[in-house]
C-alpha atoms as a PDB file:
ATOM      1  CA  ARG A   1     -12.020   0.943  11.168  1.00  0.00           C
ATOM      2  CA  ALA A   2     -10.801   4.488  10.862  1.00  0.00           C
ATOM      3  CA  HIS A   3     -11.065   4.592   6.933  1.00  0.00           C
ATOM      4  CA  LEU A   4     -12.957   1.937   5.185  1.00  0.00           C
ATOM      5  CA  ARG A   5     -10.907  -0.153   2.582  1.00  0.00           C
ATOM      6  CA  THR A   6     -12.143   0.452  -1.419  1.00  0.00           C
ATOM      7  CA  PRO A   7     -10.456  -2.322  -3.847  1.00  0.00           C
ATOM      8  CA  SER A   8     -10.568   0.527  -6.882  1.00  0.00           C
ATOM      9  CA  PRO A   9      -9.078   2.368  -8.305  1.00  0.00           C
ATOM     10  CA  ARG A  10      -6.273  -0.445  -8.108  1.00  0.00           C
ATOM     11  CA  LEU A  11      -3.540   0.592  -7.144  1.00  0.00           C
ATOM     12  CA  LYS A  12       0.189  -0.196  -8.042  1.00  0.00           C
ATOM     13  CA  ILE A  13       2.899   0.492  -4.869  1.00  0.00           C
ATOM     14  CA  ARG A  14       7.127   0.037  -4.835  1.00  0.00           C
ATOM     15  CA  ALA A  15       7.565  -1.427  -1.987  1.00  0.00           C
ATOM     16  CA  ASP A  16      11.536  -2.497  -1.253  1.00  0.00           C
ATOM     17  CA  GLY A  17      12.234  -2.231  -4.358  1.00  0.00           C
ATOM     18  CA  SER A  18       9.769  -4.471  -6.141  1.00  0.00           C
ATOM     19  CA  LEU A  19       6.012  -3.491  -7.717  1.00  0.00           C
ATOM     20  CA  PHE A  20       2.971  -4.607  -6.536  1.00  0.00           C
ATOM     21  CA  ASP A  21      -0.923  -3.991  -7.203  1.00  0.00           C
ATOM     22  CA  THR A  22      -3.286  -3.264  -4.362  1.00  0.00           C
ATOM     23  CA  LEU A  23      -6.060  -5.129  -3.338  1.00  0.00           C
ATOM     24  CA  GLU A  24      -7.980  -2.710  -1.836  1.00  0.00           C
ATOM     25  CA  TRP A  25      -6.709   0.029   0.403  1.00  0.00           C
ATOM     26  CA  SER A  26      -7.462   2.784   2.780  1.00  0.00           C
ATOM     27  CA  GLN A  27      -5.773   5.923   4.070  1.00  0.00           C
ATOM     28  CA  GLY A  28      -4.630   3.614   6.765  1.00  0.00           C
ATOM     29  CA  ASN A  29      -3.231   0.242   5.313  1.00  0.00           C
ATOM     30  CA  LEU A  30      -3.868  -2.257   2.084  1.00  0.00           C
ATOM     31  CA  VAL A  31      -3.770  -5.367   1.213  1.00  0.00           C
ATOM     32  CA  ILE A  32      -1.552  -5.915  -1.799  1.00  0.00           C
ATOM     33  CA  ALA A  33      -0.397  -9.118  -3.729  1.00  0.00           C
ATOM     34  CA  ALA A  34       2.830 -10.088  -2.952  1.00  0.00           C
ATOM     35  CA  ALA A  35       2.863 -13.457  -3.569  1.00  0.00           C
ATOM     36  CA  GLY A  36       5.014 -14.493  -0.648  1.00  0.00           C
ATOM     37  CA  ALA A  37       7.033 -11.510  -0.575  1.00  0.00           C
ATOM     38  CA  PHE A  38       6.899 -10.452   2.433  1.00  0.00           C
ATOM     39  CA  ARG A  39       6.581 -12.186   5.885  1.00  0.00           C
ATOM     40  CA  VAL A  40       3.848 -11.044   9.196  1.00  0.00           C
ATOM     41  CA  GLY A  41       6.105  -8.584  11.012  1.00  0.00           C
ATOM     42  CA  ALA A  42       8.465  -7.366   8.158  1.00  0.00           C
ATOM     43  CA  LEU A  43       8.914  -3.614   7.486  1.00  0.00           C
ATOM     44  CA  VAL A  44       7.750  -2.641   4.808  1.00  0.00           C
ATOM     45  CA  THR A  45       8.860   0.624   3.037  1.00  0.00           C
ATOM     46  CA  ILE A  46       6.651   2.153   0.523  1.00  0.00           C
ATOM     47  CA  ASP A  47       8.433   4.830  -1.616  1.00  0.00           C
ATOM     48  CA  GLY A  48       5.837   4.661  -4.579  1.00  0.00           C
ATOM     49  CA  LEU A  49       2.624   5.165  -5.418  1.00  0.00           C
ATOM     50  CA  GLY A  50      -0.112   5.632  -8.253  1.00  0.00           C
ATOM     51  CA  THR A  51      -2.407   4.700 -10.650  1.00  0.00           C
ATOM     52  CA  ALA A  52      -0.022   3.216 -13.597  1.00  0.00           C
ATOM     53  CA  ASN A  53       3.796   2.157 -13.545  1.00  0.00           C
ATOM     54  CA  ASP A  54       3.862   5.205 -15.284  1.00  0.00           C
ATOM     55  CA  ASP A  55       1.919   7.278 -12.450  1.00  0.00           C
ATOM     56  CA  ILE A  56       3.877   6.455  -9.376  1.00  0.00           C
ATOM     57  CA  GLU A  57       4.587   9.414  -7.366  1.00  0.00           C
ATOM     58  CA  SER A  58       7.350   9.373  -4.963  1.00  0.00           C
ATOM     59  CA  VAL A  59       6.161   9.244  -1.603  1.00  0.00           C
ATOM     60  CA  GLY A  60       7.345   8.169   1.854  1.00  0.00           C
ATOM     61  CA  ILE A  61       4.980   5.046   3.775  1.00  0.00           C
ATOM     62  CA  ARG A  62       6.568   2.445   6.977  1.00  0.00           C
ATOM     63  CA  GLY A  63       4.277  -0.362   7.308  1.00  0.00           C
ATOM     64  CA  ARG A  64       4.551  -3.634   9.345  1.00  0.00           C
ATOM     65  CA  VAL A  65       2.795  -6.141   7.608  1.00  0.00           C
ATOM     66  CA  THR A  66       0.130  -7.848   9.844  1.00  0.00           C
ATOM     67  CA  ARG A  67      -1.857 -10.215   8.245  1.00  0.00           C
ATOM     68  CA  VAL A  68      -0.535 -12.673   4.522  1.00  0.00           C
ATOM     69  CA  THR A  69      -2.711 -15.785   2.667  1.00  0.00           C
ATOM     70  CA  GLU A  70      -2.496 -18.611   2.269  1.00  0.00           C
ATOM     71  CA  GLY A  71      -1.913 -17.660  -1.128  1.00  0.00           C
ATOM     72  CA  GLY A  72       1.037 -14.944  -0.070  1.00  0.00           C
ATOM     73  CA  ASP A  73      -1.389 -11.388  -0.197  1.00  0.00           C
ATOM     74  CA  ALA A  74       0.152  -9.543   2.292  1.00  0.00           C
ATOM     75  CA  ALA A  75      -1.904  -6.781   4.799  1.00  0.00           C
ATOM     76  CA  VAL A  76       0.223  -3.420   5.722  1.00  0.00           C
ATOM     77  CA  ASP A  77      -0.933  -1.547   8.516  1.00  0.00           C
ATOM     78  CA  PHE A  78       0.751   2.145   8.225  1.00  0.00           C
ATOM     79  CA  LEU A  79       3.473   2.912  10.652  1.00  0.00           C
ATOM     80  CA  HIS A  80       3.698   6.878   9.176  1.00  0.00           C
ATOM     81  CA  ARG A  81       3.346   8.169   5.801  1.00  0.00           C
ATOM     82  CA  ASP A  82       4.683  12.189   4.453  1.00  0.00           C
ATOM     83  CA  ASP A  83       2.244  14.808   4.012  1.00  0.00           C
ATOM     84  CA  ASN A  84       2.128  13.197   0.451  1.00  0.00           C
ATOM     85  CA  ALA A  85       1.319  10.668   0.829  1.00  0.00           C
ATOM     86  CA  MET A  86      -1.404  11.383   2.693  1.00  0.00           C
ATOM     87  CA  TRP A  87      -2.547  13.449  -0.119  1.00  0.00           C
ATOM     88  CA  THR A  88      -1.800  10.892  -3.113  1.00  0.00           C
ATOM     89  CA  LEU A  89      -4.310   8.910  -1.057  1.00  0.00           C
ATOM     90  CA  ARG A  90      -6.423  11.738  -0.378  1.00  0.00           C
ATOM     91  CA  ARG A  91      -6.377  12.566  -3.504  1.00  0.00           C
ATOM     92  CA  LEU A  92      -6.847   9.008  -5.570  1.00  0.00           C
ATOM     93  CA  ALA A  93      -9.276   7.954  -2.851  1.00  0.00           C
ATOM     94  CA  GLY A  94     -11.982  10.578  -4.479  1.00  0.00           C
ATOM     95  CA  GLY A  95     -11.562  13.349  -1.308  1.00  0.00           C
END
């Protein structure tokens, strides 16, 4: 892996108009508690990212769902992330 995944801090993301919690994440992908909201191969637009509902920053991330668990959690690999997404993820990762 180019980037190690971390479970903390837990992130909130706004994707396709809904809020989701992350289970683990890195600078290149994330796993979200999606309750079956996504299918493998689906394109996802993440336009908000933060640690709490009132702390969501506007970002631009396009991703693709690469795996969905039996429980409906979705793994999303980033296809593109804007500069603000890159810096926000880096800051939240502590680097």
